Amino acid sequence: MKRVTGIGGIFFYAKDPKALGEWYKRHLGIDVQSWGGAAFEWKDDDGKPTGGTTAWCISSADSGSFAPSAAPFVVNYRVADLDALLQALRAEGCNVLDKTDESEFGKFGWVIDPEGNKAELWQPPPGQ
């Protein structure tokens, strides 16, 4: 079974998300959108789209969205089959959170690594 197939996104906390987003836009050229992040489209060596995206997003430190982890970041890992992977991780004794989400953006699940970092597992919708 394939497990992680790529990185779907990087999410991190900031004391002042708006100001930090403006800094990244001005100094690094990241096209930070009003939702607080940017989407990097995957392209081949010729610049043609290959059907994937990596999200980059700044969150308010007081949002609590990374709980139960105390880390200031979450990495979103792209996976081929979320249900099968969550089942395998549970069988291997990993700390898999009970909650899962499904929306037009795909299916999401979470696991806590041995150091207490929350990892988001994302199965994109078909065709993405």
N, C-alpha and C. Protein backbone atom coordinates (compact mmCIF):
# COMPACT_ATOMS: atom_id res chain seq x y z
N MET A 1 0.85 -1.18 0.00
CA MET A 1 0.00 0.00 0.00
C MET A 1 0.89 1.24 0.00
N LYS A 2 0.57 2.18 -0.87
CA LYS A 2 1.25 3.47 -0.83
C LYS A 2 0.81 4.19 0.43
N ARG A 3 1.71 4.90 1.03
CA ARG A 3 1.37 5.68 2.22
C ARG A 3 1.38 7.15 1.84
N VAL A 4 2.41 7.89 2.19
CA VAL A 4 2.47 9.31 1.81
C VAL A 4 2.99 9.42 0.38
N THR A 5 2.31 10.23 -0.43
CA THR A 5 2.70 10.40 -1.83
C THR A 5 3.23 11.80 -2.12
N GLY A 6 3.21 12.68 -1.14
CA GLY A 6 3.72 14.04 -1.31
C GLY A 6 3.29 14.92 -0.16
N ILE A 7 3.69 16.17 -0.21
CA ILE A 7 3.27 17.14 0.80
C ILE A 7 2.17 17.99 0.21
N GLY A 8 1.03 17.96 0.89
CA GLY A 8 -0.13 18.74 0.44
C GLY A 8 -0.10 20.16 0.96
N GLY A 9 0.56 20.39 2.09
CA GLY A 9 0.60 21.75 2.63
C GLY A 9 1.45 21.87 3.86
N ILE A 10 1.81 23.09 4.15
CA ILE A 10 2.55 23.48 5.35
C ILE A 10 1.71 24.57 6.02
N PHE A 11 1.40 24.36 7.28
CA PHE A 11 0.58 25.31 8.03
C PHE A 11 1.34 25.68 9.30
N PHE A 12 1.42 26.97 9.61
CA PHE A 12 2.14 27.37 10.81
C PHE A 12 1.50 28.57 11.47
N TYR A 13 1.77 28.66 12.77
CA TYR A 13 1.22 29.74 13.58
C TYR A 13 2.06 31.01 13.45
N ALA A 14 1.40 32.13 13.65
CA ALA A 14 2.07 33.43 13.71
C ALA A 14 1.36 34.29 14.75
N LYS A 15 2.11 35.14 15.41
CA LYS A 15 1.51 36.09 16.37
C LYS A 15 0.65 37.09 15.63
N ASP A 16 1.10 37.51 14.45
CA ASP A 16 0.37 38.47 13.63
C ASP A 16 0.34 37.94 12.19
N PRO A 17 -0.63 37.06 11.87
CA PRO A 17 -0.66 36.42 10.56
C PRO A 17 -0.69 37.40 9.39
N LYS A 18 -1.44 38.48 9.52
CA LYS A 18 -1.54 39.45 8.42
C LYS A 18 -0.19 40.10 8.13
N ALA A 19 0.48 40.58 9.18
CA ALA A 19 1.79 41.22 9.00
C ALA A 19 2.82 40.23 8.46
N LEU A 20 2.79 39.00 8.97
CA LEU A 20 3.75 38.00 8.51
C LEU A 20 3.48 37.65 7.04
N GLY A 21 2.21 37.54 6.69
CA GLY A 21 1.86 37.27 5.29
C GLY A 21 2.34 38.38 4.37
N GLU A 22 2.21 39.62 4.82
CA GLU A 22 2.71 40.75 4.03
C GLU A 22 4.23 40.70 3.87
N TRP A 23 4.94 40.28 4.93
CA TRP A 23 6.40 40.15 4.86
C TRP A 23 6.78 39.10 3.80
N TYR A 24 6.13 37.93 3.86
CA TYR A 24 6.44 36.88 2.89
C TYR A 24 6.11 37.34 1.46
N LYS A 25 5.04 38.07 1.30
CA LYS A 25 4.67 38.55 -0.03
C LYS A 25 5.70 39.53 -0.55
N ARG A 26 6.09 40.49 0.29
CA ARG A 26 7.03 41.55 -0.12
C ARG A 26 8.44 41.00 -0.34
N HIS A 27 8.93 40.21 0.60
CA HIS A 27 10.33 39.83 0.56
C HIS A 27 10.62 38.52 -0.18
N LEU A 28 9.68 37.58 -0.17
CA LEU A 28 9.91 36.30 -0.84
C LEU A 28 9.02 36.09 -2.06
N GLY A 29 8.11 37.03 -2.31
CA GLY A 29 7.29 36.95 -3.51
C GLY A 29 6.19 35.91 -3.45
N ILE A 30 5.84 35.44 -2.26
CA ILE A 30 4.75 34.46 -2.14
C ILE A 30 3.43 35.21 -2.27
N ASP A 31 2.58 34.76 -3.16
CA ASP A 31 1.31 35.42 -3.43
C ASP A 31 0.28 35.08 -2.35
N VAL A 32 0.45 35.68 -1.17
CA VAL A 32 -0.42 35.41 -0.03
C VAL A 32 -1.81 35.99 -0.31
N GLN A 33 -2.81 35.13 -0.24
CA GLN A 33 -4.19 35.51 -0.52
C GLN A 33 -4.91 35.94 0.75
N SER A 34 -6.12 36.44 0.62
CA SER A 34 -6.89 36.94 1.77
C SER A 34 -7.19 35.84 2.79
N TRP A 35 -7.18 34.57 2.40
CA TRP A 35 -7.43 33.47 3.34
C TRP A 35 -6.18 33.14 4.16
N GLY A 36 -5.06 33.84 3.91
CA GLY A 36 -3.87 33.68 4.73
C GLY A 36 -2.81 32.77 4.18
N GLY A 37 -2.95 32.37 2.93
CA GLY A 37 -1.96 31.46 2.38
C GLY A 37 -1.82 31.57 0.88
N ALA A 38 -1.10 30.62 0.32
CA ALA A 38 -0.87 30.56 -1.11
C ALA A 38 -0.94 29.11 -1.55
N ALA A 39 -1.23 28.91 -2.82
CA ALA A 39 -1.27 27.57 -3.40
C ALA A 39 -0.20 27.49 -4.48
N PHE A 40 0.70 26.55 -4.31
CA PHE A 40 1.76 26.32 -5.30
C PHE A 40 1.34 25.16 -6.19
N GLU A 41 1.08 25.47 -7.45
CA GLU A 41 0.67 24.44 -8.41
C GLU A 41 1.89 23.62 -8.83
N TRP A 42 1.73 22.32 -8.88
CA TRP A 42 2.82 21.44 -9.30
C TRP A 42 2.97 21.52 -10.81
N LYS A 43 4.21 21.62 -11.27
CA LYS A 43 4.49 21.72 -12.71
C LYS A 43 5.67 20.82 -13.06
N ASP A 44 5.69 20.37 -14.32
CA ASP A 44 6.83 19.57 -14.77
C ASP A 44 7.99 20.48 -15.17
N ASP A 45 9.05 19.90 -15.70
CA ASP A 45 10.23 20.68 -16.08
C ASP A 45 9.95 21.71 -17.16
N ASP A 46 8.88 21.49 -17.93
CA ASP A 46 8.52 22.43 -18.99
C ASP A 46 7.51 23.48 -18.53
N GLY A 47 7.14 23.44 -17.24
CA GLY A 47 6.20 24.41 -16.70
C GLY A 47 4.74 24.04 -16.89
N LYS A 48 4.46 22.82 -17.33
CA LYS A 48 3.08 22.37 -17.54
C LYS A 48 2.54 21.80 -16.24
N PRO A 49 1.26 22.13 -15.90
CA PRO A 49 0.65 21.62 -14.67
C PRO A 49 0.62 20.09 -14.65
N THR A 50 0.87 19.52 -13.46
CA THR A 50 0.86 18.06 -13.33
C THR A 50 -0.26 17.56 -12.44
N GLY A 51 -1.18 18.43 -12.04
CA GLY A 51 -2.36 17.99 -11.31
C GLY A 51 -2.26 17.97 -9.80
N GLY A 52 -1.34 18.70 -9.23
CA GLY A 52 -1.24 18.75 -7.77
C GLY A 52 -0.98 20.16 -7.28
N THR A 53 -1.22 20.36 -5.99
CA THR A 53 -1.02 21.67 -5.37
C THR A 53 -0.46 21.46 -3.98
N THR A 54 0.42 22.35 -3.56
CA THR A 54 0.88 22.39 -2.19
C THR A 54 0.43 23.70 -1.59
N ALA A 55 -0.32 23.63 -0.49
CA ALA A 55 -0.81 24.82 0.19
C ALA A 55 0.21 25.28 1.22
N TRP A 56 0.27 26.58 1.43
CA TRP A 56 1.15 27.20 2.41
C TRP A 56 0.28 28.21 3.14
N CYS A 57 0.17 28.11 4.47
CA CYS A 57 -0.82 28.94 5.16
C CYS A 57 -0.34 29.35 6.55
N ILE A 58 -0.59 30.60 6.88
CA ILE A 58 -0.31 31.16 8.19
C ILE A 58 -1.60 31.19 8.98
N SER A 59 -1.56 30.69 10.22
CA SER A 59 -2.73 30.68 11.09
C SER A 59 -2.45 31.49 12.35
N SER A 60 -3.50 32.00 12.93
CA SER A 60 -3.37 32.72 14.20
C SER A 60 -2.98 31.74 15.29
N ALA A 61 -2.02 32.14 16.11
CA ALA A 61 -1.53 31.27 17.19
C ALA A 61 -2.62 30.91 18.19
N ASP A 62 -3.66 31.74 18.29
CA ASP A 62 -4.71 31.45 19.27
C ASP A 62 -5.87 30.66 18.68
N SER A 63 -5.73 30.17 17.45
CA SER A 63 -6.83 29.43 16.82
C SER A 63 -7.01 28.04 17.42
N GLY A 64 -5.95 27.45 17.94
CA GLY A 64 -6.04 26.12 18.53
C GLY A 64 -6.21 25.01 17.52
N SER A 65 -6.07 25.31 16.23
CA SER A 65 -6.36 24.30 15.21
C SER A 65 -5.32 23.19 15.13
N PHE A 66 -4.17 23.34 15.79
CA PHE A 66 -3.16 22.29 15.75
C PHE A 66 -3.24 21.36 16.96
N ALA A 67 -4.16 21.64 17.87
CA ALA A 67 -4.33 20.81 19.07
C ALA A 67 -4.64 19.37 18.65
N PRO A 68 -4.19 18.40 19.40
CA PRO A 68 -3.59 18.48 20.72
C PRO A 68 -2.08 18.75 20.70
N SER A 69 -1.49 18.95 19.53
CA SER A 69 -0.06 19.22 19.45
C SER A 69 0.25 20.62 19.98
N ALA A 70 1.41 20.76 20.62
CA ALA A 70 1.87 22.07 21.07
C ALA A 70 2.81 22.69 20.04
N ALA A 71 3.11 21.97 18.96
CA ALA A 71 4.02 22.48 17.93
C ALA A 71 3.36 23.65 17.18
N PRO A 72 4.17 24.59 16.70
CA PRO A 72 3.64 25.75 15.98
C PRO A 72 3.41 25.48 14.49
N PHE A 73 3.36 24.21 14.08
CA PHE A 73 3.19 23.88 12.68
C PHE A 73 2.44 22.56 12.52
N VAL A 74 1.89 22.35 11.35
CA VAL A 74 1.33 21.06 10.94
C VAL A 74 1.73 20.86 9.49
N VAL A 75 2.22 19.67 9.18
CA VAL A 75 2.48 19.31 7.79
C VAL A 75 1.32 18.46 7.32
N ASN A 76 0.79 18.80 6.16
CA ASN A 76 -0.29 18.05 5.53
C ASN A 76 0.34 17.13 4.49
N TYR A 77 0.17 15.82 4.70
CA TYR A 77 0.75 14.84 3.80
C TYR A 77 -0.33 14.30 2.87
N ARG A 78 -0.04 14.30 1.60
CA ARG A 78 -0.94 13.76 0.60
C ARG A 78 -0.85 12.24 0.64
N VAL A 79 -1.99 11.56 0.65
CA VAL A 79 -2.02 10.09 0.70
C VAL A 79 -2.96 9.55 -0.38
N ALA A 80 -2.74 8.29 -0.74
CA ALA A 80 -3.54 7.67 -1.80
C ALA A 80 -4.86 7.11 -1.28
N ASP A 81 -4.87 6.52 -0.08
CA ASP A 81 -6.07 5.88 0.45
C ASP A 81 -6.11 6.14 1.96
N LEU A 82 -6.80 7.20 2.36
CA LEU A 82 -6.82 7.62 3.75
C LEU A 82 -7.35 6.53 4.67
N ASP A 83 -8.47 5.92 4.33
CA ASP A 83 -9.07 4.92 5.22
C ASP A 83 -8.13 3.74 5.46
N ALA A 84 -7.50 3.26 4.40
CA ALA A 84 -6.57 2.12 4.55
C ALA A 84 -5.36 2.52 5.38
N LEU A 85 -4.84 3.73 5.17
CA LEU A 85 -3.68 4.17 5.92
C LEU A 85 -4.01 4.34 7.40
N LEU A 86 -5.15 4.95 7.71
CA LEU A 86 -5.54 5.11 9.12
C LEU A 86 -5.70 3.75 9.80
N GLN A 87 -6.29 2.80 9.09
CA GLN A 87 -6.45 1.45 9.63
C GLN A 87 -5.08 0.83 9.90
N ALA A 88 -4.15 0.96 8.97
CA ALA A 88 -2.80 0.40 9.14
C ALA A 88 -2.07 1.07 10.31
N LEU A 89 -2.20 2.40 10.41
CA LEU A 89 -1.53 3.11 11.50
C LEU A 89 -2.07 2.68 12.86
N ARG A 90 -3.39 2.50 12.95
CA ARG A 90 -3.98 2.02 14.21
C ARG A 90 -3.45 0.62 14.55
N ALA A 91 -3.39 -0.24 13.54
CA ALA A 91 -2.90 -1.61 13.76
C ALA A 91 -1.43 -1.61 14.20
N GLU A 92 -0.69 -0.60 13.81
CA GLU A 92 0.72 -0.48 14.17
C GLU A 92 0.92 0.22 15.51
N GLY A 93 -0.19 0.58 16.17
CA GLY A 93 -0.11 1.18 17.49
C GLY A 93 0.11 2.68 17.50
N CYS A 94 -0.09 3.34 16.37
CA CYS A 94 0.10 4.79 16.29
C CYS A 94 -1.07 5.52 16.95
N ASN A 95 -0.82 6.74 17.38
CA ASN A 95 -1.83 7.59 18.01
C ASN A 95 -2.62 8.32 16.92
N VAL A 96 -3.65 7.65 16.40
CA VAL A 96 -4.50 8.20 15.35
C VAL A 96 -5.70 8.87 16.01
N LEU A 97 -5.97 10.12 15.64
CA LEU A 97 -7.13 10.80 16.20
C LEU A 97 -8.40 10.20 15.62
N ASP A 98 -9.43 10.11 16.45
CA ASP A 98 -10.70 9.51 16.02
C ASP A 98 -11.40 10.34 14.94
N LYS A 99 -11.26 11.65 15.01
CA LYS A 99 -11.95 12.54 14.08
C LYS A 99 -11.39 12.43 12.66
N THR A 100 -12.28 12.40 11.69
CA THR A 100 -11.92 12.54 10.28
C THR A 100 -12.88 13.54 9.67
N ASP A 101 -12.49 14.14 8.57
CA ASP A 101 -13.35 15.10 7.87
C ASP A 101 -13.39 14.74 6.39
N GLU A 102 -14.53 15.03 5.78
CA GLU A 102 -14.66 14.87 4.33
C GLU A 102 -15.42 16.07 3.80
N SER A 103 -14.89 16.67 2.72
CA SER A 103 -15.52 17.84 2.11
C SER A 103 -15.19 17.84 0.62
N GLU A 104 -15.54 18.92 -0.05
CA GLU A 104 -15.21 19.04 -1.47
C GLU A 104 -13.70 19.11 -1.69
N PHE A 105 -12.93 19.35 -0.61
CA PHE A 105 -11.47 19.43 -0.70
C PHE A 105 -10.81 18.06 -0.53
N GLY A 106 -11.58 17.05 -0.16
CA GLY A 106 -11.04 15.72 0.02
C GLY A 106 -11.34 15.16 1.40
N LYS A 107 -10.58 14.12 1.75
CA LYS A 107 -10.75 13.44 3.04
C LYS A 107 -9.52 13.73 3.91
N PHE A 108 -9.75 13.95 5.21
CA PHE A 108 -8.69 14.32 6.13
C PHE A 108 -8.71 13.45 7.38
N GLY A 109 -7.53 13.10 7.85
CA GLY A 109 -7.36 12.39 9.11
C GLY A 109 -6.08 12.89 9.76
N TRP A 110 -5.86 12.53 11.03
CA TRP A 110 -4.71 13.06 11.76
C TRP A 110 -4.07 11.97 12.61
N VAL A 111 -2.76 12.06 12.73
CA VAL A 111 -1.97 11.16 13.58
C VAL A 111 -0.98 12.02 14.36
N ILE A 112 -0.69 11.58 15.58
CA ILE A 112 0.28 12.28 16.42
C ILE A 112 1.56 11.45 16.42
N ASP A 113 2.68 12.08 16.07
CA ASP A 113 3.95 11.34 16.05
C ASP A 113 4.49 11.14 17.47
N PRO A 114 5.53 10.34 17.66
CA PRO A 114 6.04 10.07 19.01
C PRO A 114 6.53 11.30 19.78
N GLU A 115 6.81 12.41 19.07
CA GLU A 115 7.25 13.65 19.73
C GLU A 115 6.10 14.60 20.02
N GLY A 116 4.87 14.17 19.70
CA GLY A 116 3.69 14.98 19.98
C GLY A 116 3.28 15.92 18.86
N ASN A 117 3.90 15.80 17.69
CA ASN A 117 3.54 16.65 16.54
C ASN A 117 2.34 16.06 15.81
N LYS A 118 1.40 16.92 15.48
CA LYS A 118 0.22 16.49 14.73
C LYS A 118 0.55 16.51 13.24
N ALA A 119 0.24 15.41 12.55
CA ALA A 119 0.40 15.33 11.10
C ALA A 119 -0.98 15.15 10.49
N GLU A 120 -1.27 15.95 9.48
CA GLU A 120 -2.54 15.85 8.78
C GLU A 120 -2.35 14.97 7.55
N LEU A 121 -3.26 14.01 7.36
CA LEU A 121 -3.24 13.12 6.22
C LEU A 121 -4.41 13.49 5.32
N TRP A 122 -4.13 13.70 4.03
CA TRP A 122 -5.13 14.24 3.11
C TRP A 122 -5.20 13.39 1.84
N GLN A 123 -6.39 12.89 1.59
CA GLN A 123 -6.66 12.20 0.32
C GLN A 123 -7.42 13.19 -0.56
N PRO A 124 -6.77 13.70 -1.61
CA PRO A 124 -7.45 14.68 -2.47
C PRO A 124 -8.68 14.07 -3.16
N PRO A 125 -9.59 14.91 -3.60
CA PRO A 125 -10.73 14.39 -4.35
C PRO A 125 -10.26 13.72 -5.65
N PRO A 126 -11.07 12.83 -6.21
CA PRO A 126 -10.68 12.18 -7.47
C PRO A 126 -10.31 13.21 -8.53
N GLY A 127 -9.25 12.91 -9.27
CA GLY A 127 -8.81 13.80 -10.35
C GLY A 127 -7.84 14.89 -9.93
N GLN A 128 -7.51 14.94 -8.66
CA GLN A 128 -6.57 15.98 -8.19
C GLN A 128 -5.30 15.37 -7.66
